[in-house]
């Protein structure tokens, strides 16, 4: 078998392996991501990032004793780590807004409006509808502001896409 044909066969096997992982776990992982970020487009972009990472070494996700979904969730939590830290810092925002915002590289890049929406939804547990009423803005505007907040977090963490 020629080297080129062997390389193509390995690449085809790798793609089939990633496709199989996506088919078996993609929907559940997307649901997990959506529950965290509360935005379908952002959750889908995180899913793409995760499966792009998986595509580099798909065989590793079936062999180390953990369930495949558990391994993918661990990868998702790692991708979402900046989000979790930013939410945590939202909790201290009310007590000392300037120092917390300055210390958190993600919050410091957000406008006050973006901080209000991001922290209101993810830390204080407000719904998009409640924030819309509170801020006297349509719900679509609140979703747009939330998406902008996540875009800042993703860009600051070196991820591209979702603009």
N, C-alpha and C. Protein backbone atom coordinates (compact mmCIF):
# COMPACT_ATOMS: atom_id res chain seq x y z
N UNK A 1 0.85 -1.17 0.00
CA UNK A 1 0.00 0.00 0.00
C UNK A 1 0.90 1.24 0.00
N UNK A 2 0.59 2.19 -0.85
CA UNK A 2 1.43 3.38 -0.94
C UNK A 2 1.24 4.25 0.29
N UNK A 3 2.24 5.10 0.55
CA UNK A 3 2.19 5.99 1.71
C UNK A 3 1.00 6.95 1.61
N UNK A 4 0.72 7.42 0.40
CA UNK A 4 -0.39 8.36 0.21
C UNK A 4 -1.73 7.68 0.51
N UNK A 5 -1.91 6.47 0.03
CA UNK A 5 -3.15 5.74 0.26
C UNK A 5 -3.29 5.40 1.75
N UNK A 6 -2.21 5.03 2.39
CA UNK A 6 -2.23 4.74 3.82
C UNK A 6 -2.61 5.98 4.62
N UNK A 7 -2.04 7.13 4.26
CA UNK A 7 -2.37 8.39 4.94
C UNK A 7 -3.85 8.73 4.74
N UNK A 8 -4.36 8.54 3.54
CA UNK A 8 -5.77 8.82 3.26
C UNK A 8 -6.67 7.90 4.06
N UNK A 9 -6.30 6.64 4.15
CA UNK A 9 -7.08 5.68 4.92
C UNK A 9 -7.11 6.07 6.39
N UNK A 10 -5.97 6.47 6.93
CA UNK A 10 -5.92 6.92 8.34
C UNK A 10 -6.78 8.16 8.54
N UNK A 11 -6.71 9.10 7.62
CA UNK A 11 -7.52 10.32 7.71
C UNK A 11 -9.01 9.98 7.64
N UNK A 12 -9.39 9.08 6.74
CA UNK A 12 -10.79 8.65 6.64
C UNK A 12 -11.25 7.99 7.94
N UNK A 13 -10.40 7.14 8.52
CA UNK A 13 -10.73 6.50 9.79
C UNK A 13 -10.89 7.53 10.90
N UNK A 14 -10.01 8.51 10.92
CA UNK A 14 -10.09 9.57 11.94
C UNK A 14 -11.40 10.35 11.80
N UNK A 15 -11.76 10.70 10.59
CA UNK A 15 -13.00 11.45 10.36
C UNK A 15 -14.23 10.62 10.74
N UNK A 16 -14.20 9.33 10.41
CA UNK A 16 -15.31 8.46 10.79
C UNK A 16 -15.41 8.35 12.31
N UNK A 17 -14.28 8.29 12.98
CA UNK A 17 -14.26 8.22 14.43
C UNK A 17 -14.86 9.48 15.05
N UNK A 18 -14.48 10.64 14.54
CA UNK A 18 -15.03 11.90 15.04
C UNK A 18 -16.53 11.96 14.75
N UNK A 19 -16.92 11.56 13.56
CA UNK A 19 -18.34 11.56 13.18
C UNK A 19 -19.14 10.65 14.10
N UNK A 20 -18.58 9.50 14.43
CA UNK A 20 -19.25 8.57 15.33
C UNK A 20 -19.41 9.19 16.72
N UNK A 21 -18.37 9.83 17.22
CA UNK A 21 -18.46 10.51 18.52
C UNK A 21 -19.52 11.60 18.49
N UNK A 22 -19.53 12.37 17.39
CA UNK A 22 -20.52 13.44 17.26
C UNK A 22 -21.93 12.86 17.22
N UNK A 23 -22.13 11.82 16.44
CA UNK A 23 -23.46 11.21 16.33
C UNK A 23 -23.94 10.66 17.66
N UNK A 24 -23.03 10.08 18.44
CA UNK A 24 -23.45 9.46 19.70
C UNK A 24 -23.57 10.45 20.86
N UNK A 25 -22.80 11.54 20.84
CA UNK A 25 -22.76 12.42 22.01
C UNK A 25 -23.05 13.89 21.70
N UNK A 26 -23.09 14.27 20.45
CA UNK A 26 -23.22 15.68 20.09
C UNK A 26 -24.46 16.35 20.65
N UNK A 27 -25.61 15.70 20.54
CA UNK A 27 -26.86 16.31 21.00
C UNK A 27 -26.85 16.51 22.52
N UNK A 28 -26.37 15.48 23.25
CA UNK A 28 -26.33 15.61 24.71
C UNK A 28 -25.34 16.69 25.14
N UNK A 29 -24.21 16.76 24.45
CA UNK A 29 -23.21 17.77 24.79
C UNK A 29 -23.74 19.16 24.47
N UNK A 30 -24.44 19.30 23.35
CA UNK A 30 -25.04 20.59 23.01
C UNK A 30 -26.06 21.00 24.07
N UNK A 31 -26.85 20.06 24.55
CA UNK A 31 -27.80 20.36 25.62
C UNK A 31 -27.10 20.83 26.89
N UNK A 32 -26.02 20.17 27.23
CA UNK A 32 -25.21 20.57 28.40
C UNK A 32 -24.69 22.00 28.21
N UNK A 33 -24.11 22.27 27.04
CA UNK A 33 -23.56 23.59 26.77
C UNK A 33 -24.65 24.66 26.79
N UNK A 34 -25.80 24.34 26.22
CA UNK A 34 -26.90 25.31 26.20
C UNK A 34 -27.37 25.63 27.61
N UNK A 35 -27.44 24.62 28.47
CA UNK A 35 -27.84 24.88 29.85
C UNK A 35 -26.89 25.84 30.55
N UNK A 36 -25.63 25.78 30.19
CA UNK A 36 -24.63 26.66 30.81
C UNK A 36 -24.71 28.07 30.23
N UNK A 37 -24.67 28.20 28.91
CA UNK A 37 -24.53 29.53 28.30
C UNK A 37 -25.85 30.20 27.96
N UNK A 38 -26.93 29.44 27.91
CA UNK A 38 -28.27 29.98 27.66
C UNK A 38 -28.42 30.70 26.31
N UNK A 39 -27.67 30.27 25.32
CA UNK A 39 -27.79 30.85 23.98
C UNK A 39 -27.42 29.74 22.98
N UNK A 40 -28.34 29.47 22.06
CA UNK A 40 -28.14 28.37 21.12
C UNK A 40 -26.90 28.57 20.25
N UNK A 41 -26.73 29.76 19.68
CA UNK A 41 -25.58 30.01 18.81
C UNK A 41 -24.25 29.88 19.53
N UNK A 42 -24.19 30.39 20.74
CA UNK A 42 -22.95 30.29 21.53
C UNK A 42 -22.68 28.83 21.89
N UNK A 43 -23.72 28.10 22.28
CA UNK A 43 -23.56 26.68 22.61
C UNK A 43 -23.06 25.91 21.39
N UNK A 44 -23.61 26.22 20.22
CA UNK A 44 -23.17 25.54 19.00
C UNK A 44 -21.71 25.85 18.69
N UNK A 45 -21.28 27.09 18.93
CA UNK A 45 -19.89 27.44 18.66
C UNK A 45 -18.94 26.70 19.61
N UNK A 46 -19.35 26.59 20.88
CA UNK A 46 -18.54 25.80 21.81
C UNK A 46 -18.49 24.34 21.37
N UNK A 47 -19.61 23.81 20.88
CA UNK A 47 -19.64 22.43 20.40
C UNK A 47 -18.66 22.25 19.24
N UNK A 48 -18.64 23.20 18.34
CA UNK A 48 -17.69 23.15 17.21
C UNK A 48 -16.26 23.15 17.73
N UNK A 49 -15.97 24.04 18.68
CA UNK A 49 -14.62 24.10 19.26
C UNK A 49 -14.23 22.76 19.88
N UNK A 50 -15.17 22.16 20.59
CA UNK A 50 -14.88 20.89 21.26
C UNK A 50 -14.60 19.79 20.24
N UNK A 51 -15.42 19.70 19.21
CA UNK A 51 -15.20 18.63 18.23
C UNK A 51 -14.00 18.91 17.34
N UNK A 52 -13.64 20.16 17.16
CA UNK A 52 -12.38 20.46 16.48
C UNK A 52 -11.20 19.94 17.31
N UNK A 53 -11.29 20.09 18.61
CA UNK A 53 -10.26 19.57 19.51
C UNK A 53 -10.24 18.04 19.47
N UNK A 54 -11.41 17.45 19.51
CA UNK A 54 -11.52 15.99 19.46
C UNK A 54 -10.92 15.45 18.17
N UNK A 55 -11.11 16.17 17.08
CA UNK A 55 -10.63 15.71 15.77
C UNK A 55 -9.11 15.54 15.74
N UNK A 56 -8.42 16.23 16.63
CA UNK A 56 -6.96 16.11 16.66
C UNK A 56 -6.52 14.74 17.16
N UNK A 57 -7.28 14.16 18.10
CA UNK A 57 -6.93 12.84 18.67
C UNK A 57 -8.20 12.07 19.01
N UNK A 58 -9.00 11.69 18.02
CA UNK A 58 -10.29 11.04 18.32
C UNK A 58 -10.16 9.71 19.04
N UNK A 59 -9.09 8.98 18.82
CA UNK A 59 -8.93 7.66 19.47
C UNK A 59 -8.81 7.79 20.98
N UNK A 60 -8.34 8.92 21.47
CA UNK A 60 -8.17 9.12 22.91
C UNK A 60 -9.50 9.15 23.67
N UNK A 61 -10.60 9.33 22.96
CA UNK A 61 -11.89 9.49 23.63
C UNK A 61 -12.65 8.19 23.79
N UNK A 62 -12.02 7.09 23.55
CA UNK A 62 -12.67 5.79 23.74
C UNK A 62 -11.85 4.83 24.56
N UNK A 63 -10.72 5.27 25.12
CA UNK A 63 -9.79 4.28 25.66
C UNK A 63 -9.36 4.47 27.11
N UNK A 64 -9.69 5.56 27.77
CA UNK A 64 -9.06 5.74 29.08
C UNK A 64 -9.98 5.46 30.28
N UNK A 65 -11.01 4.67 30.08
CA UNK A 65 -11.81 4.22 31.20
C UNK A 65 -13.02 5.08 31.52
N UNK A 66 -13.02 6.33 31.16
CA UNK A 66 -14.18 7.19 31.38
C UNK A 66 -15.15 7.01 30.22
N UNK A 67 -16.40 7.27 30.47
CA UNK A 67 -17.34 7.22 29.36
C UNK A 67 -16.99 8.34 28.38
N UNK A 68 -17.33 8.13 27.14
CA UNK A 68 -17.03 9.13 26.11
C UNK A 68 -17.68 10.46 26.44
N UNK A 69 -18.96 10.43 26.85
CA UNK A 69 -19.65 11.67 27.19
C UNK A 69 -18.96 12.38 28.35
N UNK A 70 -18.52 11.63 29.35
CA UNK A 70 -17.80 12.24 30.48
C UNK A 70 -16.53 12.93 30.01
N UNK A 71 -15.81 12.30 29.12
CA UNK A 71 -14.59 12.90 28.60
C UNK A 71 -14.90 14.18 27.83
N UNK A 72 -15.96 14.15 27.04
CA UNK A 72 -16.35 15.34 26.29
C UNK A 72 -16.83 16.46 27.21
N UNK A 73 -17.52 16.09 28.29
CA UNK A 73 -17.95 17.10 29.26
C UNK A 73 -16.75 17.73 29.97
N UNK A 74 -15.74 16.95 30.25
CA UNK A 74 -14.52 17.50 30.85
C UNK A 74 -13.89 18.50 29.89
N UNK A 75 -13.81 18.14 28.64
CA UNK A 75 -13.28 19.06 27.63
C UNK A 75 -14.15 20.32 27.55
N UNK A 76 -15.47 20.16 27.63
CA UNK A 76 -16.38 21.31 27.61
C UNK A 76 -16.14 22.21 28.82
N UNK A 77 -15.99 21.61 30.00
CA UNK A 77 -15.73 22.42 31.20
C UNK A 77 -14.42 23.19 31.07
N UNK A 78 -13.42 22.57 30.48
CA UNK A 78 -12.15 23.27 30.26
C UNK A 78 -12.34 24.45 29.31
N UNK A 79 -13.13 24.25 28.26
CA UNK A 79 -13.40 25.34 27.31
C UNK A 79 -14.21 26.44 27.98
N UNK A 80 -15.07 26.06 28.93
CA UNK A 80 -15.94 27.03 29.60
C UNK A 80 -15.31 27.64 30.85
N UNK A 81 -14.08 27.26 31.19
CA UNK A 81 -13.44 27.76 32.41
C UNK A 81 -13.45 29.29 32.52
N UNK A 82 -13.15 30.02 31.45
CA UNK A 82 -13.21 31.49 31.57
C UNK A 82 -14.61 31.98 31.91
N UNK A 83 -15.60 31.33 31.37
CA UNK A 83 -17.00 31.68 31.67
C UNK A 83 -17.27 31.48 33.16
N UNK A 84 -16.87 30.31 33.72
CA UNK A 84 -17.12 30.03 35.12
C UNK A 84 -16.44 31.04 36.04
N UNK A 85 -15.20 31.42 35.73
CA UNK A 85 -14.49 32.40 36.55
C UNK A 85 -15.17 33.75 36.48
N UNK A 86 -15.65 34.11 35.31
CA UNK A 86 -16.32 35.40 35.15
C UNK A 86 -17.61 35.42 35.94
N UNK A 87 -18.37 34.34 35.92
CA UNK A 87 -19.60 34.26 36.70
C UNK A 87 -19.27 34.36 38.18
N UNK A 88 -18.23 33.67 38.61
CA UNK A 88 -17.81 33.73 40.03
C UNK A 88 -17.50 35.18 40.42
N UNK A 89 -16.79 35.89 39.56
CA UNK A 89 -16.45 37.28 39.85
C UNK A 89 -17.67 38.20 39.84
N UNK A 90 -18.72 37.81 39.17
CA UNK A 90 -19.96 38.59 39.21
C UNK A 90 -20.50 38.65 40.64
N UNK A 91 -20.26 37.61 41.42
CA UNK A 91 -20.76 37.55 42.78
C UNK A 91 -20.15 38.59 43.69
N UNK A 92 -18.93 38.99 43.41
CA UNK A 92 -18.30 40.02 44.24
C UNK A 92 -18.45 41.41 43.63
N UNK A 93 -19.03 41.45 42.45
CA UNK A 93 -19.16 42.72 41.74
C UNK A 93 -19.95 43.74 42.55
N UNK A 94 -21.03 43.33 43.19
CA UNK A 94 -21.86 44.27 43.92
C UNK A 94 -21.13 44.87 45.11
N UNK A 95 -20.23 44.11 45.72
CA UNK A 95 -19.54 44.59 46.92
C UNK A 95 -18.41 45.55 46.58
N UNK A 96 -17.73 45.29 45.48
CA UNK A 96 -16.58 46.12 45.14
C UNK A 96 -16.41 46.11 43.61
N UNK A 97 -17.33 46.76 42.93
CA UNK A 97 -17.44 46.66 41.47
C UNK A 97 -16.14 47.03 40.75
N UNK A 98 -15.50 48.09 41.13
CA UNK A 98 -14.31 48.52 40.39
C UNK A 98 -13.15 47.54 40.51
N UNK A 99 -12.87 47.05 41.70
CA UNK A 99 -11.73 46.14 41.84
C UNK A 99 -12.01 44.79 41.20
N UNK A 100 -13.24 44.28 41.31
CA UNK A 100 -13.57 42.99 40.70
C UNK A 100 -13.51 43.09 39.19
N UNK A 101 -14.09 44.13 38.65
CA UNK A 101 -14.10 44.30 37.20
C UNK A 101 -12.68 44.45 36.68
N UNK A 102 -11.85 45.17 37.39
CA UNK A 102 -10.47 45.37 36.96
C UNK A 102 -9.67 44.07 37.05
N UNK A 103 -9.95 43.24 38.05
CA UNK A 103 -9.22 41.99 38.22
C UNK A 103 -9.61 40.93 37.20
N UNK A 104 -10.84 40.95 36.74
CA UNK A 104 -11.32 39.94 35.81
C UNK A 104 -11.16 40.46 34.39
N UNK A 105 -10.26 39.82 33.63
CA UNK A 105 -9.96 40.33 32.29
C UNK A 105 -11.16 40.27 31.36
N UNK A 106 -12.12 39.43 31.65
CA UNK A 106 -13.31 39.32 30.80
C UNK A 106 -14.31 40.42 31.15
N UNK A 107 -14.61 40.57 32.43
CA UNK A 107 -15.54 41.62 32.84
C UNK A 107 -15.00 43.01 32.51
N UNK A 108 -13.69 43.18 32.62
CA UNK A 108 -13.11 44.50 32.37
C UNK A 108 -13.25 44.93 30.91
N UNK A 109 -13.43 43.97 30.01
CA UNK A 109 -13.61 44.31 28.60
C UNK A 109 -15.07 44.56 28.24
N UNK A 110 -15.98 44.21 29.14
CA UNK A 110 -17.40 44.40 28.88
C UNK A 110 -17.83 45.81 29.24
N UNK A 111 -18.82 46.29 28.51
CA UNK A 111 -19.44 47.56 28.87
C UNK A 111 -20.27 47.32 30.14
N UNK A 112 -20.64 48.37 30.86
CA UNK A 112 -21.52 48.18 32.02
C UNK A 112 -22.82 47.45 31.65
N UNK A 113 -23.34 47.73 30.47
CA UNK A 113 -24.56 47.06 30.03
C UNK A 113 -24.33 45.56 29.81
N UNK A 114 -23.21 45.22 29.20
CA UNK A 114 -22.88 43.81 28.99
C UNK A 114 -22.66 43.10 30.33
N UNK A 115 -21.97 43.76 31.25
CA UNK A 115 -21.76 43.19 32.58
C UNK A 115 -23.09 42.94 33.27
N UNK A 116 -24.00 43.91 33.16
CA UNK A 116 -25.30 43.81 33.81
C UNK A 116 -26.08 42.60 33.27
N UNK A 117 -26.08 42.44 31.96
CA UNK A 117 -26.80 41.32 31.35
C UNK A 117 -26.13 40.00 31.69
N UNK A 118 -24.81 39.92 31.48
CA UNK A 118 -24.09 38.67 31.74
C UNK A 118 -24.25 38.25 33.19
N UNK A 119 -23.96 39.13 34.12
CA UNK A 119 -24.04 38.79 35.54
C UNK A 119 -25.49 38.58 35.98
N UNK A 120 -26.39 39.39 35.44
CA UNK A 120 -27.80 39.23 35.80
C UNK A 120 -28.32 37.86 35.43
N UNK A 121 -27.97 37.40 34.25
CA UNK A 121 -28.46 36.10 33.78
C UNK A 121 -27.73 34.95 34.45
N UNK A 122 -26.40 35.00 34.45
CA UNK A 122 -25.62 33.84 34.87
C UNK A 122 -25.27 33.80 36.35
N UNK A 123 -25.26 34.92 37.03
CA UNK A 123 -24.96 34.87 38.45
C UNK A 123 -26.22 35.07 39.28
N UNK A 124 -27.00 36.06 38.92
CA UNK A 124 -28.17 36.39 39.72
C UNK A 124 -29.40 35.58 39.32
N UNK A 125 -29.31 34.83 38.23
CA UNK A 125 -30.39 33.93 37.84
C UNK A 125 -31.61 34.59 37.24
N UNK A 126 -31.44 35.79 36.74
CA UNK A 126 -32.58 36.49 36.12
C UNK A 126 -32.81 35.90 34.73
N UNK A 127 -34.04 35.95 34.31
CA UNK A 127 -34.36 35.48 32.96
C UNK A 127 -34.12 36.62 31.96
N UNK A 128 -34.07 36.25 30.71
CA UNK A 128 -33.93 37.27 29.66
C UNK A 128 -35.13 38.20 29.69
N UNK A 129 -36.31 37.63 29.93
CA UNK A 129 -37.53 38.47 29.99
C UNK A 129 -37.44 39.47 31.15
N UNK A 130 -36.97 39.01 32.31
CA UNK A 130 -36.85 39.90 33.47
C UNK A 130 -35.84 41.01 33.20
N UNK A 131 -34.71 40.65 32.59
CA UNK A 131 -33.71 41.67 32.26
C UNK A 131 -34.25 42.66 31.24
N UNK A 132 -35.04 42.18 30.28
CA UNK A 132 -35.63 43.07 29.27
C UNK A 132 -36.54 44.09 29.93
N UNK A 133 -37.35 43.64 30.87
CA UNK A 133 -38.24 44.56 31.58
C UNK A 133 -37.43 45.53 32.43
N UNK A 134 -36.46 45.00 33.16
CA UNK A 134 -35.61 45.82 34.03
C UNK A 134 -34.87 46.90 33.24
N UNK A 135 -34.37 46.53 32.07
CA UNK A 135 -33.56 47.46 31.28
C UNK A 135 -34.39 48.22 30.24
N UNK A 136 -35.67 47.90 30.18
CA UNK A 136 -36.57 48.55 29.23
C UNK A 136 -36.07 48.38 27.78
N UNK A 137 -35.76 47.15 27.46
CA UNK A 137 -35.27 46.82 26.12
C UNK A 137 -35.98 45.56 25.65
N UNK A 138 -36.08 45.38 24.34
CA UNK A 138 -36.67 44.13 23.83
C UNK A 138 -35.78 42.93 24.18
N UNK A 139 -36.39 41.76 24.30
CA UNK A 139 -35.65 40.54 24.62
C UNK A 139 -34.56 40.25 23.60
N UNK A 140 -34.82 40.54 22.33
CA UNK A 140 -33.80 40.31 21.30
C UNK A 140 -32.55 41.15 21.55
N UNK A 141 -32.73 42.37 22.07
CA UNK A 141 -31.58 43.21 22.40
C UNK A 141 -30.78 42.61 23.55
N UNK A 142 -31.48 42.04 24.52
CA UNK A 142 -30.81 41.41 25.67
C UNK A 142 -30.01 40.21 25.18
N UNK A 143 -30.59 39.42 24.29
CA UNK A 143 -29.87 38.26 23.72
C UNK A 143 -28.63 38.73 22.95
N UNK A 144 -28.76 39.81 22.21
CA UNK A 144 -27.63 40.35 21.45
C UNK A 144 -26.52 40.80 22.41
N UNK A 145 -26.89 41.48 23.47
CA UNK A 145 -25.91 41.94 24.46
C UNK A 145 -25.21 40.74 25.11
N UNK A 146 -25.98 39.70 25.42
CA UNK A 146 -25.41 38.48 26.00
C UNK A 146 -24.43 37.83 25.03
N UNK A 147 -24.81 37.75 23.77
CA UNK A 147 -23.94 37.16 22.76
C UNK A 147 -22.65 37.96 22.64
N UNK A 148 -22.75 39.30 22.70
CA UNK A 148 -21.55 40.16 22.66
C UNK A 148 -20.64 39.86 23.86
N UNK A 149 -21.23 39.63 25.02
CA UNK A 149 -20.45 39.32 26.22
C UNK A 149 -19.67 38.03 26.04
N UNK A 150 -20.33 37.01 25.52
CA UNK A 150 -19.65 35.74 25.28
C UNK A 150 -18.59 35.87 24.20
N UNK A 151 -18.86 36.69 23.20
CA UNK A 151 -17.86 36.90 22.16
C UNK A 151 -16.60 37.51 22.75
N UNK A 152 -16.75 38.45 23.67
CA UNK A 152 -15.58 39.05 24.34
C UNK A 152 -14.81 37.99 25.15
N UNK A 153 -15.53 37.14 25.86
CA UNK A 153 -14.87 36.10 26.65
C UNK A 153 -14.13 35.15 25.74
N UNK A 154 -14.77 34.72 24.67
CA UNK A 154 -14.14 33.77 23.76
C UNK A 154 -12.92 34.38 23.08
N UNK A 155 -13.03 35.63 22.63
CA UNK A 155 -11.88 36.28 21.96
C UNK A 155 -10.73 36.48 22.94
N UNK A 156 -11.04 36.88 24.15
CA UNK A 156 -9.99 37.10 25.15
C UNK A 156 -9.30 35.80 25.52
N UNK A 157 -9.99 34.68 25.30
CA UNK A 157 -9.43 33.37 25.60
C UNK A 157 -8.83 32.69 24.38
N UNK A 158 -8.73 33.44 23.28
CA UNK A 158 -8.07 32.91 22.09
C UNK A 158 -8.95 32.13 21.14
N UNK A 159 -10.25 32.15 21.33
CA UNK A 159 -11.16 31.45 20.42
C UNK A 159 -11.71 32.44 19.42
N UNK A 160 -11.84 32.01 18.19
CA UNK A 160 -12.44 32.85 17.17
C UNK A 160 -13.74 32.25 16.74
N UNK A 161 -14.43 32.93 15.87
CA UNK A 161 -15.74 32.48 15.43
C UNK A 161 -16.81 33.20 16.18
N UNK A 162 -18.04 32.96 15.82
CA UNK A 162 -19.22 33.56 16.47
C UNK A 162 -19.04 35.05 16.68
N UNK A 163 -19.37 35.81 15.69
CA UNK A 163 -19.22 37.27 15.78
C UNK A 163 -20.56 37.94 15.92
